[in-house]
Protein backbone atom coordinates (compact mmCIF):
# COMPACT_ATOMS: atom_id res chain seq x y z
CA MET A 1 94.46 105.84 81.80
CA ALA A 2 97.77 105.83 83.64
CA SER A 3 100.84 104.81 81.69
CA THR A 4 101.62 101.17 82.43
CA LEU A 5 105.29 101.70 81.58
CA VAL A 6 105.63 104.48 84.17
CA LEU A 7 103.89 102.36 86.79
CA VAL A 8 106.13 99.35 86.11
CA ILE A 9 109.37 101.37 86.16
CA VAL A 10 108.36 103.15 89.37
CA PHE A 11 107.38 99.83 90.95
CA ILE A 12 110.76 98.30 90.06
CA PHE A 13 112.65 101.31 91.46
CA ASP A 14 110.60 101.18 94.66
CA VAL A 15 111.18 97.44 95.12
CA ILE A 16 114.93 97.94 94.64
CA ALA A 17 114.93 100.84 97.12
CA PHE A 18 112.99 98.78 99.66
CA GLY A 19 115.34 95.80 99.24
CA LEU A 20 118.44 97.98 99.67
CA ALA A 21 116.99 99.60 102.79
CA VAL A 22 116.23 96.20 104.33
CA ALA A 23 119.75 95.01 103.41
CA ALA A 24 121.21 98.13 105.03
CA GLU A 25 119.31 97.37 108.24
CA GLN A 26 120.64 93.81 108.25
CA ARG A 27 124.26 94.85 107.57
CA ARG A 28 124.65 97.80 109.98
CA SER A 29 128.18 98.36 111.27
CA THR A 30 129.08 96.71 114.54
CA ALA A 31 132.09 97.47 116.70
CA ARG A 32 134.18 95.73 119.28
CA VAL A 33 136.82 96.93 121.69
CA VAL A 34 140.29 95.44 121.16
CA LEU A 35 143.64 95.85 122.90
CA ASP A 36 146.50 96.99 120.70
CA SER A 37 149.46 94.73 119.94
CA GLU A 38 151.59 96.23 122.70
CA ASN A 39 148.75 96.06 125.26
CA ASN A 40 148.95 99.79 125.95
CA TYR A 41 145.52 101.01 124.98
CA LYS A 42 142.08 99.91 123.85
CA HIS A 43 140.42 101.06 120.63
CA CYS A 44 137.33 100.32 118.54
CA VAL A 45 137.42 98.06 115.50
CA TYR A 46 134.45 98.29 113.15
CA ASP A 47 133.34 95.62 110.72
CA SER A 48 132.18 96.11 107.13
CA ASP A 49 130.69 99.46 106.12
CA ILE A 50 128.50 98.14 103.31
CA ALA A 51 125.27 99.32 104.94
CA THR A 52 126.19 102.92 104.11
CA GLY A 53 126.32 102.03 100.42
CA PHE A 54 123.04 100.15 100.64
CA GLY A 55 121.41 103.12 102.38
CA VAL A 56 122.66 105.59 99.77
CA GLY A 57 121.55 103.26 96.97
CA ALA A 58 118.06 103.01 98.49
CA LEU A 59 117.96 106.79 98.82
CA LEU A 60 118.89 107.29 95.16
CA PHE A 61 116.44 104.70 93.82
CA LEU A 62 113.62 106.20 95.88
CA LEU A 63 114.59 109.67 94.64
CA ALA A 64 114.55 108.45 91.02
CA SER A 65 111.14 106.86 91.55
CA GLN A 66 109.67 110.03 93.03
CA ALA A 67 111.20 112.19 90.29
CA LEU A 68 109.74 109.93 87.60
CA ILE A 69 106.25 110.05 89.11
CA MET A 70 106.41 113.82 89.49
CA MET A 71 107.64 114.31 85.92
CA ALA A 72 104.94 112.02 84.56
CA SER A 73 102.24 113.90 86.48
CA ARG A 74 103.84 117.31 85.95
CA CYS A 75 104.15 117.63 89.74
CA PHE A 76 100.37 117.98 89.97
CA CYS A 77 100.41 121.76 89.49
CA CYS A 78 101.47 122.19 85.86
CA GLY A 79 99.53 121.17 82.79
CA LYS A 80 95.85 121.27 81.98
CA ALA A 81 93.11 121.43 84.58
CA LEU A 82 91.82 118.31 86.28
CA ASN A 83 88.24 117.12 86.38
CA PRO A 84 86.54 118.18 89.62
CA GLY A 85 85.44 115.15 91.54
CA GLY A 86 86.60 112.15 93.52
CA SER A 87 89.71 111.37 91.48
CA ARG A 88 91.03 114.91 91.82
CA ALA A 89 90.30 114.98 95.56
CA TRP A 90 92.10 111.68 96.07
CA ALA A 91 94.98 112.86 93.87
CA ILE A 92 95.44 115.92 96.10
CA ILE A 93 95.34 113.86 99.30
CA LEU A 94 97.68 111.20 97.91
CA PHE A 95 100.05 113.86 96.53
CA ILE A 96 100.51 115.38 100.00
CA ALA A 97 100.78 111.97 101.72
CA CYS A 98 103.22 110.74 99.07
CA TRP A 99 105.54 113.71 99.59
CA LEU A 100 105.30 113.39 103.37
CA THR A 101 106.26 109.70 103.42
CA PHE A 102 108.94 110.34 100.79
CA LEU A 103 110.59 113.02 102.92
CA ILE A 104 110.49 110.84 106.04
CA ALA A 105 111.99 107.88 104.13
CA GLU A 106 114.75 110.05 102.63
CA ILE A 107 115.60 111.56 106.04
CA CYS A 108 115.80 108.10 107.65
CA LEU A 109 117.96 106.70 104.85
CA LEU A 110 120.27 109.73 104.76
CA ALA A 111 120.65 109.94 108.54
CA GLY A 112 121.23 106.19 108.76
CA SER A 113 123.86 106.26 106.04
CA VAL A 114 125.72 109.19 107.58
CA ARG A 115 125.58 107.80 111.11
CA ASN A 116 126.58 104.31 109.97
CA ALA A 117 129.66 105.73 108.24
CA TYR A 118 130.78 107.54 111.41
CA HIS A 119 133.41 105.65 113.39
CA THR A 120 135.07 106.82 116.59
CA LYS A 121 138.83 107.03 116.16
CA TYR A 122 140.13 107.61 119.68
CA ALA A 123 141.78 105.14 122.03
CA THR A 124 142.00 105.00 125.81
CA LEU A 125 144.53 103.81 128.34
CA PHE A 126 144.23 100.69 130.48
CA THR A 127 141.39 101.66 132.78
CA GLU A 128 138.83 103.14 130.46
CA THR A 129 136.80 101.36 127.82
CA PRO A 130 136.12 103.46 124.70
CA SER A 131 132.56 103.98 123.59
CA CYS A 132 132.27 102.41 120.17
CA GLU A 133 129.30 104.30 118.78
CA THR A 134 127.21 102.59 116.13
CA LEU A 135 123.91 103.26 114.41
CA ARG A 136 120.98 102.26 116.57
CA LYS A 137 118.77 99.47 115.35
CA GLY A 138 115.72 100.41 113.30
CA VAL A 139 116.81 103.57 111.45
CA PHE A 140 117.18 101.81 108.11
CA GLY A 141 114.12 99.73 109.00
CA ALA A 142 112.06 102.90 109.38
CA GLY A 143 113.45 104.09 106.04
CA ALA A 144 112.39 100.79 104.47
CA ALA A 145 108.89 101.05 105.95
CA PHE A 146 108.41 104.59 104.69
CA THR A 147 109.85 103.56 101.32
CA PHE A 148 107.11 100.93 101.16
CA PHE A 149 104.44 103.51 102.08
CA THR A 150 105.82 105.93 99.50
CA ALA A 151 105.69 103.23 96.84
CA ILE A 152 102.02 102.50 97.51
CA LEU A 153 100.97 106.13 97.79
CA SER A 154 102.88 107.31 94.71
CA GLU A 155 101.38 104.58 92.52
CA LEU A 156 97.88 105.37 93.77
CA TYR A 157 98.51 109.10 93.31
CA TYR A 158 99.57 108.60 89.70
CA VAL A 159 96.51 106.47 88.91
CA CYS A 160 94.10 108.99 90.51
CA TYR A 161 95.87 111.89 88.81
CA SER A 162 95.65 110.15 85.43
CA ASN A 163 91.95 109.41 85.92
CA ALA A 164 91.22 113.04 86.79
CA ARG A 165 93.31 114.33 83.89
CA GLU A 166 91.82 112.03 81.26
CA SER A 167 88.20 112.64 82.18
CA PHE A 168 88.33 116.46 82.01
CA GLN A 169 86.14 118.02 79.30
CA PRO A 170 86.12 121.83 79.13
CA TYR A 171 82.70 123.48 78.92
CA GLY A 172 81.61 123.98 75.31
CA GLY A 173 84.80 122.38 73.96
CA ARG A 174 86.74 125.63 74.45
CA GLU A 175 89.59 126.57 76.73
CA THR A 176 88.34 127.39 80.21
CA GLY A 177 90.99 130.01 81.01
CA VAL A 178 90.80 133.75 80.53
CA GLY A 179 92.03 134.75 77.07
CA MET A 180 94.92 137.20 77.11
CA GLY A 181 94.82 138.16 73.43
CA THR A 182 92.97 140.95 71.61
CA TYR A 183 89.43 140.49 70.34
CA SER A 184 89.00 139.83 66.62
């Protein structure tokens, strides 16, 4: 059966990653145009940049969660053979889906963190209003959603992988591979 300790640790990491991604969406940088003290030009003033830290934290916790699942399952390709059947088929499908949602979540969190940290620095004269570029709404939200999907799929993948691994019995109690040694 799947290791309960691995499942609990991965669940905690995924919940933390999801919470940080939601917090990053709520605390995105906002900007406003202000006139300088001498009233010569307008420039952008940005508020707190904490969403970048939240986004990077979510990215790292999700990465740690995925690394732990892959190490515990030997990244699906290493180790002994799996039992042919439903559990192995589901493990293959969930492995691919888990990696797909993981990559989408990481891309959203990384792009959101980088774009949120970017602030325009230029100023304009009296007539023009500067464009204070900020991160559009929903980038961290998409990262949070895909973090949630990754959490579900990775836990299910690990359980199916463990079921397929534990139930495998080689034919005749011997190794099923081709022997590479000399005959005795």
